[in-house]
C-alpha atoms as a PDB file:
ATOM      1  CA  MET A   1       0.194   0.207  -0.328  1.00  0.00           C
ATOM      2  CA  ASP A   2       1.099   3.457  -0.109  1.00  0.00           C
ATOM      3  CA  GLY A   3       1.226   4.596   3.380  1.00  0.00           C
ATOM      4  CA  SER A   4      -2.480   5.032   4.243  1.00  0.00           C
ATOM      5  CA  ALA A   5      -4.411   2.063   5.209  1.00  0.00           C
ATOM      6  CA  LYS A   6      -6.599   0.655   2.536  1.00  0.00           C
ATOM      7  CA  GLN A   7     -10.085   2.084   2.139  1.00  0.00           C
ATOM      8  CA  PRO A   8     -12.359  -0.875   1.634  1.00  0.00           C
ATOM      9  CA  GLN A   9     -15.121  -0.871  -1.052  1.00  0.00           C
ATOM     10  CA  SER A  10     -17.282  -3.311   0.870  1.00  0.00           C
ATOM     11  CA  LEU A  11     -17.773  -5.130   4.035  1.00  0.00           C
ATOM     12  CA  ARG A  12     -15.840  -8.094   2.133  1.00  0.00           C
ATOM     13  CA  ASP A  13     -12.921  -5.978   0.884  1.00  0.00           C
ATOM     14  CA  GLY A  14     -12.620  -4.671   4.619  1.00  0.00           C
ATOM     15  CA  LEU A  15     -12.398  -7.939   6.008  1.00  0.00           C
ATOM     16  CA  LEU A  16      -9.884  -9.450   3.649  1.00  0.00           C
ATOM     17  CA  ASN A  17      -7.751  -6.580   3.801  1.00  0.00           C
ATOM     18  CA  ARG A  18      -7.655  -5.097   7.246  1.00  0.00           C
ATOM     19  CA  LEU A  19      -3.890  -5.175   8.299  1.00  0.00           C
ATOM     20  CA  SER A  20      -2.300  -5.081  11.857  1.00  0.00           C
ATOM     21  CA  VAL A  21      -0.353  -1.964  11.659  1.00  0.00           C
ATOM     22  CA  PRO A  22       2.636  -1.997  13.893  1.00  0.00           C
ATOM     23  CA  PRO A  23       3.368   0.992  16.536  1.00  0.00           C
ATOM     24  CA  ARG A  24       6.571   1.719  14.844  1.00  0.00           C
ATOM     25  CA  LEU A  25       4.214   2.861  11.716  1.00  0.00           C
ATOM     26  CA  ILE A  26       1.940   4.589  13.444  1.00  0.00           C
ATOM     27  CA  ASP A  27       2.091   8.703  13.570  1.00  0.00           C
ATOM     28  CA  GLY A  28      -0.282  11.313  14.316  1.00  0.00           C
ATOM     29  CA  PRO A  29      -3.182  12.438  14.184  1.00  0.00           C
ATOM     30  CA  ALA A  30      -5.205  10.107  16.427  1.00  0.00           C
ATOM     31  CA  PRO A  31      -8.406   9.585  15.217  1.00  0.00           C
ATOM     32  CA  SER A  32     -11.292  12.399  16.108  1.00  0.00           C
ATOM     33  CA  ARG A  33     -13.585  12.304  19.013  1.00  0.00           C
ATOM     34  CA  ALA A  34     -16.287  11.248  16.506  1.00  0.00           C
ATOM     35  CA  ASP A  35     -14.042   8.650  15.022  1.00  0.00           C
ATOM     36  CA  ILE A  36     -13.479   6.862  18.419  1.00  0.00           C
ATOM     37  CA  ASP A  37     -17.027   7.268  19.121  1.00  0.00           C
ATOM     38  CA  ASP A  38     -17.711   5.331  16.026  1.00  0.00           C
ATOM     39  CA  MET A  39     -14.962   2.554  16.533  1.00  0.00           C
ATOM     40  CA  LEU A  40     -16.923   2.295  19.892  1.00  0.00           C
ATOM     41  CA  ALA A  41     -20.315   1.870  18.816  1.00  0.00           C
ATOM     42  CA  ALA A  42     -19.133  -1.112  16.377  1.00  0.00           C
ATOM     43  CA  ALA A  43     -17.316  -2.656  19.516  1.00  0.00           C
ATOM     44  CA  VAL A  44     -20.487  -2.802  21.271  1.00  0.00           C
ATOM     45  CA  CYS A  45     -22.276  -4.869  18.514  1.00  0.00           C
ATOM     46  CA  ALA A  46     -19.609  -8.004  19.001  1.00  0.00           C
ATOM     47  CA  PRO A  47     -21.112 -11.229  19.980  1.00  0.00           C
ATOM     48  CA  ASP A  48     -22.180 -11.019  23.228  1.00  0.00           C
ATOM     49  CA  HIS A  49     -24.072 -14.221  24.757  1.00  0.00           C
ATOM     50  CA  GLY A  50     -26.540 -13.201  27.481  1.00  0.00           C
ATOM     51  CA  ALA A  51     -26.125  -9.397  26.926  1.00  0.00           C
ATOM     52  CA  ILE A  52     -23.453  -9.516  29.743  1.00  0.00           C
ATOM     53  CA  ARG A  53     -21.834  -6.394  27.954  1.00  0.00           C
ATOM     54  CA  PRO A  54     -18.711  -7.324  29.686  1.00  0.00           C
ATOM     55  CA  TRP A  55     -16.373  -4.993  27.892  1.00  0.00           C
ATOM     56  CA  ARG A  56     -14.861  -2.094  29.231  1.00  0.00           C
ATOM     57  CA  PHE A  57     -12.880   0.373  26.998  1.00  0.00           C
ATOM     58  CA  HIS A  58     -10.199   2.776  28.538  1.00  0.00           C
ATOM     59  CA  VAL A  59      -9.478   5.684  25.427  1.00  0.00           C
ATOM     60  CA  ILE A  60      -5.736   7.097  26.491  1.00  0.00           C
ATOM     61  CA  GLN A  61      -4.345   9.517  24.634  1.00  0.00           C
ATOM     62  CA  GLY A  62      -2.296  12.756  25.230  1.00  0.00           C
ATOM     63  CA  ASP A  63      -0.795  13.142  28.659  1.00  0.00           C
ATOM     64  CA  ALA A  64      -2.553   9.908  29.413  1.00  0.00           C
ATOM     65  CA  LEU A  65      -0.316   8.215  27.771  1.00  0.00           C
ATOM     66  CA  ARG A  66       2.525   9.149  29.644  1.00  0.00           C
ATOM     67  CA  ARG A  67       0.544   8.057  32.762  1.00  0.00           C
ATOM     68  CA  LEU A  68       0.223   4.714  31.461  1.00  0.00           C
ATOM     69  CA  GLY A  69       3.986   4.701  30.990  1.00  0.00           C
ATOM     70  CA  ASP A  70       4.456   5.654  34.739  1.00  0.00           C
ATOM     71  CA  LEU A  71       2.039   2.845  35.423  1.00  0.00           C
ATOM     72  CA  PHE A  72       3.603   0.372  33.355  1.00  0.00           C
ATOM     73  CA  VAL A  73       7.274   1.235  34.821  1.00  0.00           C
ATOM     74  CA  GLU A  74       5.421   0.708  38.707  1.00  0.00           C
ATOM     75  CA  ALA A  75       4.398  -2.634  37.679  1.00  0.00           C
ATOM     76  CA  LEU A  76       7.913  -3.275  36.235  1.00  0.00           C
ATOM     77  CA  GLN A  77       9.479  -2.269  39.372  1.00  0.00           C
ATOM     78  CA  LYS A  78       7.137  -4.701  41.585  1.00  0.00           C
ATOM     79  CA  ARG A  79       8.064  -7.596  39.168  1.00  0.00           C
ATOM     80  CA  GLU A  80      11.836  -6.507  39.102  1.00  0.00           C
ATOM     81  CA  PRO A  81      12.952  -4.617  41.936  1.00  0.00           C
ATOM     82  CA  ASP A  82      16.036  -4.083  40.260  1.00  0.00           C
ATOM     83  CA  ALA A  83      15.392  -4.062  36.924  1.00  0.00           C
ATOM     84  CA  PRO A  84      18.271  -1.823  34.556  1.00  0.00           C
ATOM     85  CA  ARG A  85      17.414   1.542  33.604  1.00  0.00           C
ATOM     86  CA  GLU A  86      17.353   0.413  29.758  1.00  0.00           C
ATOM     87  CA  THR A  87      14.215  -1.527  30.740  1.00  0.00           C
ATOM     88  CA  ILE A  88      12.576   1.281  32.875  1.00  0.00           C
ATOM     89  CA  GLU A  89      12.705   3.631  30.037  1.00  0.00           C
ATOM     90  CA  LYS A  90      11.130   1.040  27.638  1.00  0.00           C
ATOM     91  CA  GLU A  91       8.518   0.430  29.804  1.00  0.00           C
ATOM     92  CA  GLN A  92       7.889   4.239  30.190  1.00  0.00           C
ATOM     93  CA  ASN A  93       8.170   5.111  26.391  1.00  0.00           C
ATOM     94  CA  ARG A  94       5.947   1.900  25.387  1.00  0.00           C
ATOM     95  CA  PRO A  95       2.359   3.923  25.210  1.00  0.00           C
ATOM     96  CA  LEU A  96       3.921   6.724  23.226  1.00  0.00           C
ATOM     97  CA  ARG A  97       4.493   4.583  20.496  1.00  0.00           C
ATOM     98  CA  ALA A  98       1.073   5.883  19.304  1.00  0.00           C
ATOM     99  CA  PRO A  99      -1.352   8.759  19.559  1.00  0.00           C
ATOM    100  CA  LEU A 100      -3.988   6.557  21.068  1.00  0.00           C
ATOM    101  CA  ILE A 101      -4.194   3.250  22.595  1.00  0.00           C
ATOM    102  CA  ILE A 102      -7.535   1.936  23.628  1.00  0.00           C
ATOM    103  CA  ALA A 103      -7.427  -0.474  26.624  1.00  0.00           C
ATOM    104  CA  ALA A 104     -10.062  -3.018  25.737  1.00  0.00           C
ATOM    105  CA  CYS A 105     -11.037  -4.929  29.398  1.00  0.00           C
ATOM    106  CA  ALA A 106     -13.221  -7.762  30.158  1.00  0.00           C
ATOM    107  CA  LYS A 107     -15.442  -7.147  33.511  1.00  0.00           C
ATOM    108  CA  ILE A 108     -16.161 -10.846  34.062  1.00  0.00           C
ATOM    109  CA  ASP A 109     -19.839 -11.693  35.568  1.00  0.00           C
ATOM    110  CA  LEU A 110     -19.060 -14.578  37.795  1.00  0.00           C
ATOM    111  CA  SER A 111     -23.121 -14.732  38.891  1.00  0.00           C
ATOM    112  CA  ARG A 112     -23.649 -15.814  34.961  1.00  0.00           C
ATOM    113  CA  ALA A 113     -20.529 -18.286  34.695  1.00  0.00           C
ATOM    114  CA  GLU A 114     -22.325 -21.639  35.118  1.00  0.00           C
ATOM    115  CA  LYS A 115     -24.313 -20.571  32.072  1.00  0.00           C
ATOM    116  CA  ILE A 116     -22.158 -18.129  30.518  1.00  0.00           C
ATOM    117  CA  PRO A 117     -18.441 -19.262  31.117  1.00  0.00           C
ATOM    118  CA  ALA A 118     -15.626 -16.505  31.994  1.00  0.00           C
ATOM    119  CA  VAL A 119     -14.208 -17.561  28.281  1.00  0.00           C
ATOM    120  CA  GLU A 120     -17.172 -16.730  26.660  1.00  0.00           C
ATOM    121  CA  GLN A 121     -17.370 -13.312  28.172  1.00  0.00           C
ATOM    122  CA  VAL A 122     -13.877 -12.736  27.427  1.00  0.00           C
ATOM    123  CA  VAL A 123     -14.518 -13.957  23.605  1.00  0.00           C
ATOM    124  CA  ALA A 124     -16.947 -11.005  23.241  1.00  0.00           C
ATOM    125  CA  VAL A 125     -14.678  -8.477  24.359  1.00  0.00           C
ATOM    126  CA  ALA A 126     -11.958 -10.136  21.728  1.00  0.00           C
ATOM    127  CA  SER A 127     -14.763  -9.763  19.056  1.00  0.00           C
ATOM    128  CA  ALA A 128     -15.137  -6.016  20.297  1.00  0.00           C
ATOM    129  CA  CYS A 129     -11.844  -5.648  19.574  1.00  0.00           C
ATOM    130  CA  GLN A 130     -11.894  -7.196  16.023  1.00  0.00           C
ATOM    131  CA  ASN A 131     -14.635  -4.640  15.632  1.00  0.00           C
ATOM    132  CA  ILE A 132     -12.647  -1.756  16.539  1.00  0.00           C
ATOM    133  CA  LEU A 133      -9.745  -2.949  14.377  1.00  0.00           C
ATOM    134  CA  LEU A 134     -12.206  -3.251  11.387  1.00  0.00           C
ATOM    135  CA  ALA A 135     -13.692   0.159  11.827  1.00  0.00           C
ATOM    136  CA  ALA A 136     -10.221   2.059  12.424  1.00  0.00           C
ATOM    137  CA  HIS A 137      -9.166   0.191   9.081  1.00  0.00           C
ATOM    138  CA  ASP A 138     -12.651   1.389   7.514  1.00  0.00           C
ATOM    139  CA  LYS A 139     -11.701   4.995   8.671  1.00  0.00           C
ATOM    140  CA  GLY A 140      -8.073   4.787   7.422  1.00  0.00           C
ATOM    141  CA  TYR A 141      -6.302   4.740  10.602  1.00  0.00           C
ATOM    142  CA  GLY A 142      -3.300   2.196  11.389  1.00  0.00           C
ATOM    143  CA  ALA A 143      -4.054  -0.401  14.280  1.00  0.00           C
ATOM    144  CA  MET A 144      -2.445  -3.036  16.217  1.00  0.00           C
ATOM    145  CA  LEU A 145      -3.879  -5.069  19.282  1.00  0.00           C
ATOM    146  CA  LEU A 146      -1.031  -5.920  21.718  1.00  0.00           C
ATOM    147  CA  THR A 147      -1.130  -7.883  25.144  1.00  0.00           C
ATOM    148  CA  GLY A 148       2.388  -8.273  26.721  1.00  0.00           C
ATOM    149  CA  ILE A 149       2.863  -8.839  30.391  1.00  0.00           C
ATOM    150  CA  ASN A 150       1.460  -5.687  31.340  1.00  0.00           C
ATOM    151  CA  ALA A 151      -1.786  -6.810  30.201  1.00  0.00           C
ATOM    152  CA  ARG A 152      -1.706  -9.563  32.686  1.00  0.00           C
ATOM    153  CA  ASP A 153      -0.083  -7.580  35.495  1.00  0.00           C
ATOM    154  CA  ALA A 154      -2.067  -7.825  38.798  1.00  0.00           C
ATOM    155  CA  HIS A 155      -1.106  -3.827  39.472  1.00  0.00           C
ATOM    156  CA  VAL A 156      -2.016  -2.713  35.964  1.00  0.00           C
ATOM    157  CA  LYS A 157      -5.366  -4.745  35.961  1.00  0.00           C
ATOM    158  CA  ALA A 158      -5.997  -3.018  39.086  1.00  0.00           C
ATOM    159  CA  ALA A 159      -5.155   0.373  37.784  1.00  0.00           C
ATOM    160  CA  PHE A 160      -7.973  -0.110  35.176  1.00  0.00           C
ATOM    161  CA  GLY A 161     -10.413  -1.199  38.151  1.00  0.00           C
ATOM    162  CA  LEU A 162     -10.043  -5.036  37.304  1.00  0.00           C
ATOM    163  CA  GLU A 163     -10.345  -7.485  40.046  1.00  0.00           C
ATOM    164  CA  GLY A 164     -10.465 -11.513  40.375  1.00  0.00           C
ATOM    165  CA  PRO A 165     -11.236 -12.965  37.042  1.00  0.00           C
ATOM    166  CA  ASP A 166     -11.204  -9.533  35.002  1.00  0.00           C
ATOM    167  CA  GLU A 167      -8.878  -9.480  32.421  1.00  0.00           C
ATOM    168  CA  ILE A 168      -7.120  -6.871  30.120  1.00  0.00           C
ATOM    169  CA  VAL A 169      -7.884  -8.359  26.651  1.00  0.00           C
ATOM    170  CA  GLY A 170      -5.479  -6.070  25.042  1.00  0.00           C
ATOM    171  CA  PHE A 171      -3.853  -2.272  24.239  1.00  0.00           C
ATOM    172  CA  ILE A 172      -5.136  -1.288  20.773  1.00  0.00           C
ATOM    173  CA  TYR A 173      -2.560   0.876  19.738  1.00  0.00           C
ATOM    174  CA  MET A 174      -3.856   3.360  16.993  1.00  0.00           C
ATOM    175  CA  GLY A 175      -3.057   6.516  14.718  1.00  0.00           C
ATOM    176  CA  THR A 176      -2.742   7.189  11.024  1.00  0.00           C
ATOM    177  CA  PRO A 177      -0.129   5.169   9.548  1.00  0.00           C
ATOM    178  CA  SER A 178       3.467   6.629   9.082  1.00  0.00           C
ATOM    179  CA  GLY A 179       4.867   4.862   6.014  1.00  0.00           C
ATOM    180  CA  PRO A 180       4.134   1.534   3.689  1.00  0.00           C
ATOM    181  CA  VAL A 181       1.962  -0.955   5.170  1.00  0.00           C
ATOM    182  CA  PHE A 182       2.603  -4.011   3.166  1.00  0.00           C
ATOM    183  CA  GLU A 183       0.004  -6.682   2.370  1.00  0.00           C
ATOM    184  CA  LYS A 184       1.102 -10.194   4.253  1.00  0.00           C
ATOM    185  CA  GLU A 185       0.564 -13.694   2.552  1.00  0.00           C
ATOM    186  CA  ARG A 186      -2.727 -14.917   3.928  1.00  0.00           C
ATOM    187  CA  PRO A 187      -3.009 -18.634   4.477  1.00  0.00           C
ATOM    188  CA  ASP A 188      -5.650 -20.537   2.671  1.00  0.00           C
ATOM    189  CA  PRO A 189      -8.523 -21.323   4.871  1.00  0.00           C
ATOM    190  CA  ALA A 190      -8.877 -24.622   3.611  1.00  0.00           C
ATOM    191  CA  GLU A 191      -5.720 -25.911   5.480  1.00  0.00           C
ATOM    192  CA  PHE A 192      -7.572 -25.142   8.585  1.00  0.00           C
ATOM    193  CA  THR A 193     -11.230 -26.584   7.510  1.00  0.00           C
ATOM    194  CA  THR A 194     -12.818 -29.813   8.035  1.00  0.00           C
ATOM    195  CA  ILE A 195     -15.801 -30.671   6.289  1.00  0.00           C
ATOM    196  CA  TRP A 196     -17.844 -33.095   8.458  1.00  0.00           C
END
């Protein structure tokens, strides 16, 4: 592609042409508030068994990105009190790789878990993430869903108001593609499909 996300001509095109754009290829501007609202509207249309609505989205930009870096450093220092300076700086700067991050969290309703297990509630949030990624692509933004140790860290989870079985499903880094985004070879679905 020529440096901007491919604009789909149809839903099928959007699905087949969506690409993960790594943070090193993301720059400003960030999506507008209206575009963010549209993406979140798409997110809450995801499949959700029992209408539990387990998703919680935290939109992080501007000075909040630095605060997220501070949080990542705190978590690192709790895990590794003697972490080297380079590692601390890497964690501090991790959120600054994109002008916008959406932290997608799953607030698990254990009272419904017998019929709708926690994994189904996490899947609902993962589906919401895919809708955000598709909507971002449709609007010409680059985005990538990342997890890593911070998504599993108890200190980070607590800062997002999560407890017990709750999960950070991922951090969606998003902005404007800063350079060419090359299509990757897609697998043949027949390799993964069995017809019964």
